């Protein structure tokens, strides 16, 4: 709750936005972004899967980028979000959360945690704290995370919680993988039956 409140307070409603760009890769998006960046913040916020990138920033920059994309026959969809998450506009939120995160005792996990910020694993509690702060304003590297796991012989993925978005993205990134979504007790039973 605190994190969400801090992120919402960082940029007033209506001053920031996010845009999903479909069928266009990162390098080309960065080229388009360079055309609008002088007017404000416009950054890649999520590298979800091949051909699915999310940008975040000032609403004017996001709208200008959407016009450039349309002119270049690129598909984009404005996202109905309350703030421009995972971009430098969230630095204020990260500053607010820093003391709260650092005040919590983190124990060394028994397994490594793969960070959204680096797409690499760590089990160092101090590093995990720092990465939790950085992920507030940093790009989410989902595609890179899944590729890193695959390179390390991880081929079974379980998404826990409402929805199947991450399961779908994982299947787009890796065609030869086992991805499951768990939304209920029945899903857990079904997963056990498939194992």
Protein backbone atom coordinates (compact mmCIF):
# COMPACT_ATOMS: atom_id res chain seq x y z
CA UNK A 1 0.00 0.00 0.00
CA UNK A 2 2.75 2.46 0.97
CA UNK A 3 4.61 1.82 -2.28
CA UNK A 4 1.50 2.40 -4.40
CA UNK A 5 0.66 5.59 -2.51
CA UNK A 6 4.21 6.92 -2.90
CA UNK A 7 4.18 6.12 -6.62
CA UNK A 8 0.82 7.80 -7.13
CA UNK A 9 1.93 10.92 -5.25
CA UNK A 10 5.12 11.22 -7.33
CA UNK A 11 3.20 12.37 -10.42
CA UNK A 12 -0.28 13.94 -10.17
CA UNK A 13 -3.11 12.14 -11.96
CA UNK A 14 -3.28 13.18 -15.61
CA UNK A 15 0.34 14.36 -15.79
CA UNK A 16 1.87 11.02 -16.75
CA UNK A 17 0.98 8.04 -18.86
CA UNK A 18 1.99 4.71 -20.26
CA UNK A 19 1.74 3.31 -23.77
CA UNK A 20 1.90 -0.30 -24.99
CA UNK A 21 3.70 -0.62 -28.33
CA UNK A 22 3.01 -3.79 -30.29
CA UNK A 23 5.00 -5.37 -33.10
CA UNK A 24 8.00 -3.07 -32.74
CA UNK A 25 11.36 -3.93 -31.18
CA UNK A 26 13.33 -1.96 -28.58
CA UNK A 27 15.92 -0.45 -30.93
CA UNK A 28 13.29 1.10 -33.19
CA UNK A 29 11.27 2.35 -30.21
CA UNK A 30 14.39 4.03 -28.79
CA UNK A 31 14.82 5.79 -32.14
CA UNK A 32 11.25 7.12 -31.95
CA UNK A 33 11.71 8.11 -28.29
CA UNK A 34 14.78 10.19 -29.15
CA UNK A 35 12.48 12.34 -31.30
CA UNK A 36 10.21 13.24 -28.35
CA UNK A 37 12.52 13.12 -25.33
CA UNK A 38 13.37 16.81 -25.44
CA UNK A 39 9.76 17.60 -24.44
CA UNK A 40 9.86 15.53 -21.27
CA UNK A 41 10.38 12.06 -19.90
CA UNK A 42 9.60 9.16 -22.24
CA UNK A 43 11.32 5.89 -21.36
CA UNK A 44 10.92 2.16 -21.91
CA UNK A 45 9.26 0.92 -18.72
CA UNK A 46 8.62 -2.75 -19.54
CA UNK A 47 10.36 -5.09 -21.96
CA UNK A 48 7.61 -7.70 -21.77
CA UNK A 49 8.16 -9.94 -24.79
CA UNK A 50 9.25 -9.71 -28.41
CA UNK A 51 7.02 -7.09 -29.98
CA UNK A 52 5.46 -5.93 -26.70
CA UNK A 53 7.14 -2.94 -25.10
CA UNK A 54 5.63 -0.44 -22.64
CA UNK A 55 6.81 3.17 -22.43
CA UNK A 56 6.19 5.56 -19.56
CA UNK A 57 6.61 9.29 -18.97
CA UNK A 58 5.07 12.73 -19.12
CA UNK A 59 1.67 12.65 -20.80
CA UNK A 60 2.73 15.15 -23.49
CA UNK A 61 5.75 13.03 -24.46
CA UNK A 62 3.67 9.86 -24.49
CA UNK A 63 1.05 11.52 -26.73
CA UNK A 64 3.78 12.85 -29.07
CA UNK A 65 5.33 9.38 -29.28
CA UNK A 66 1.94 7.86 -30.09
CA UNK A 67 1.56 10.34 -32.99
CA UNK A 68 5.02 9.43 -34.33
CA UNK A 69 4.20 5.73 -34.05
CA UNK A 70 0.89 6.21 -35.89
CA UNK A 71 2.65 8.18 -38.62
CA UNK A 72 5.06 5.24 -38.99
CA UNK A 73 2.20 2.70 -39.03
CA UNK A 74 3.13 1.22 -35.63
CA UNK A 75 0.39 -0.05 -33.32
CA UNK A 76 0.15 1.42 -29.83
CA UNK A 77 -2.43 1.45 -27.06
CA UNK A 78 -2.64 4.04 -24.26
CA UNK A 79 -2.87 2.21 -20.95
CA UNK A 80 -5.44 3.24 -18.32
CA UNK A 81 -2.96 3.75 -15.46
CA UNK A 82 -2.93 6.18 -12.55
CA UNK A 83 0.77 7.07 -12.86
CA UNK A 84 3.77 6.62 -15.20
CA UNK A 85 5.36 3.62 -13.48
CA UNK A 86 8.93 2.31 -13.95
CA UNK A 87 10.47 5.52 -15.28
CA UNK A 88 12.59 8.34 -13.85
CA UNK A 89 9.44 10.27 -12.85
CA UNK A 90 9.17 7.70 -10.02
CA UNK A 91 12.48 8.81 -8.40
CA UNK A 92 10.46 10.79 -5.82
CA UNK A 93 8.51 7.65 -4.90
CA UNK A 94 11.75 5.69 -4.58
CA UNK A 95 13.14 8.33 -2.21
CA UNK A 96 9.98 8.06 -0.07
CA UNK A 97 10.22 4.26 0.03
CA UNK A 98 13.96 4.04 0.65
CA UNK A 99 13.83 4.49 4.43
CA UNK A 100 10.83 2.15 4.76
CA UNK A 101 12.52 -0.62 2.76
CA UNK A 102 15.85 -0.15 4.55
CA UNK A 103 14.14 -0.28 7.97
CA UNK A 104 12.90 -3.83 7.32
CA UNK A 105 15.21 -6.71 8.23
CA UNK A 106 15.85 -8.93 5.23
CA UNK A 107 17.25 -12.39 5.81
CA UNK A 108 19.27 -14.20 3.20
CA UNK A 109 16.81 -16.21 1.09
CA UNK A 110 17.42 -19.92 0.64
CA UNK A 111 17.10 -19.45 -3.12
CA UNK A 112 18.19 -16.68 -5.44
CA UNK A 113 15.77 -13.94 -6.45
CA UNK A 114 15.90 -12.67 -10.04
CA UNK A 115 15.62 -8.89 -10.14
CA UNK A 116 13.40 -6.87 -12.49
CA UNK A 117 16.19 -4.26 -12.60
CA UNK A 118 19.14 -6.43 -13.61
CA UNK A 119 17.47 -9.63 -14.88
CA UNK A 120 20.12 -11.44 -12.81
CA UNK A 121 19.80 -13.51 -9.61
CA UNK A 122 21.02 -12.55 -6.15
CA UNK A 123 20.51 -13.76 -2.60
CA UNK A 124 22.35 -10.87 -0.92
CA UNK A 125 19.81 -9.15 1.40
CA UNK A 126 21.44 -5.72 1.04
CA UNK A 127 21.45 -5.99 -2.75
CA UNK A 128 17.81 -7.14 -2.74
CA UNK A 129 16.84 -4.07 -0.69
CA UNK A 130 18.64 -1.77 -3.12
CA UNK A 131 17.03 -3.47 -6.12
CA UNK A 132 13.56 -3.12 -4.57
CA UNK A 133 14.15 0.63 -4.38
CA UNK A 134 15.56 0.80 -7.91
CA UNK A 135 12.70 -1.20 -9.44
CA UNK A 136 10.32 1.64 -8.63
CA UNK A 137 11.93 3.83 -11.31
CA UNK A 138 13.69 1.22 -13.47
CA UNK A 139 12.67 -0.74 -16.54
CA UNK A 140 11.11 -4.16 -15.91
CA UNK A 141 13.20 -6.65 -17.91
CA UNK A 142 10.71 -9.53 -18.08
CA UNK A 143 11.89 -10.83 -21.47
CA UNK A 144 15.52 -10.80 -20.30
CA UNK A 145 14.59 -12.49 -17.00
CA UNK A 146 12.87 -15.39 -18.78
CA UNK A 147 15.73 -15.76 -21.27
CA UNK A 148 18.26 -15.78 -18.41
CA UNK A 149 16.31 -18.49 -16.61
CA UNK A 150 16.06 -20.57 -19.79
CA UNK A 151 19.83 -20.27 -20.35
CA UNK A 152 20.21 -21.68 -16.82
CA UNK A 153 18.04 -24.72 -17.59
CA UNK A 154 14.86 -23.42 -15.94
CA UNK A 155 11.97 -24.46 -18.17
CA UNK A 156 9.00 -24.74 -15.81
CA UNK A 157 7.23 -21.54 -14.76
CA UNK A 158 4.31 -21.08 -12.36
CA UNK A 159 2.45 -17.77 -12.11
CA UNK A 160 0.69 -17.38 -8.77
CA UNK A 161 -2.08 -14.82 -8.39
CA UNK A 162 -4.95 -13.39 -10.39
CA UNK A 163 -4.71 -13.48 -14.16
CA UNK A 164 -2.48 -15.17 -16.71
CA UNK A 165 -0.55 -12.23 -18.17
CA UNK A 166 2.94 -13.42 -17.18
CA UNK A 167 2.18 -16.97 -18.29
CA UNK A 168 1.17 -15.65 -21.71
CA UNK A 169 4.28 -13.46 -21.98
CA UNK A 170 6.51 -16.37 -20.99
CA UNK A 171 4.98 -18.54 -23.71
CA UNK A 172 5.67 -15.78 -26.26
CA UNK A 173 9.31 -15.55 -25.16
CA UNK A 174 9.97 -19.30 -24.95
CA UNK A 175 7.97 -21.57 -27.20
CA UNK A 176 9.34 -24.78 -25.67
CA UNK A 177 8.47 -24.33 -21.99
CA UNK A 178 5.95 -25.37 -19.36
CA UNK A 179 4.05 -22.36 -18.04
CA UNK A 180 1.13 -22.59 -15.64
CA UNK A 181 -1.12 -20.04 -13.99
CA UNK A 182 -2.50 -20.64 -10.50
CA UNK A 183 -5.57 -18.60 -9.58
CA UNK A 184 -7.37 -20.99 -7.23
CA UNK A 185 -7.13 -24.15 -5.11
CA UNK A 186 -8.45 -26.12 -8.09
CA UNK A 187 -5.55 -24.83 -10.19
CA UNK A 188 -3.12 -26.14 -7.54
CA UNK A 189 -4.83 -29.55 -7.62
CA UNK A 190 -4.69 -29.61 -11.43
CA UNK A 191 -1.01 -28.70 -11.38
CA UNK A 192 -0.31 -31.52 -8.92
CA UNK A 193 -2.15 -33.95 -11.21
CA UNK A 194 -0.03 -32.85 -14.20
CA UNK A 195 3.25 -33.26 -12.29
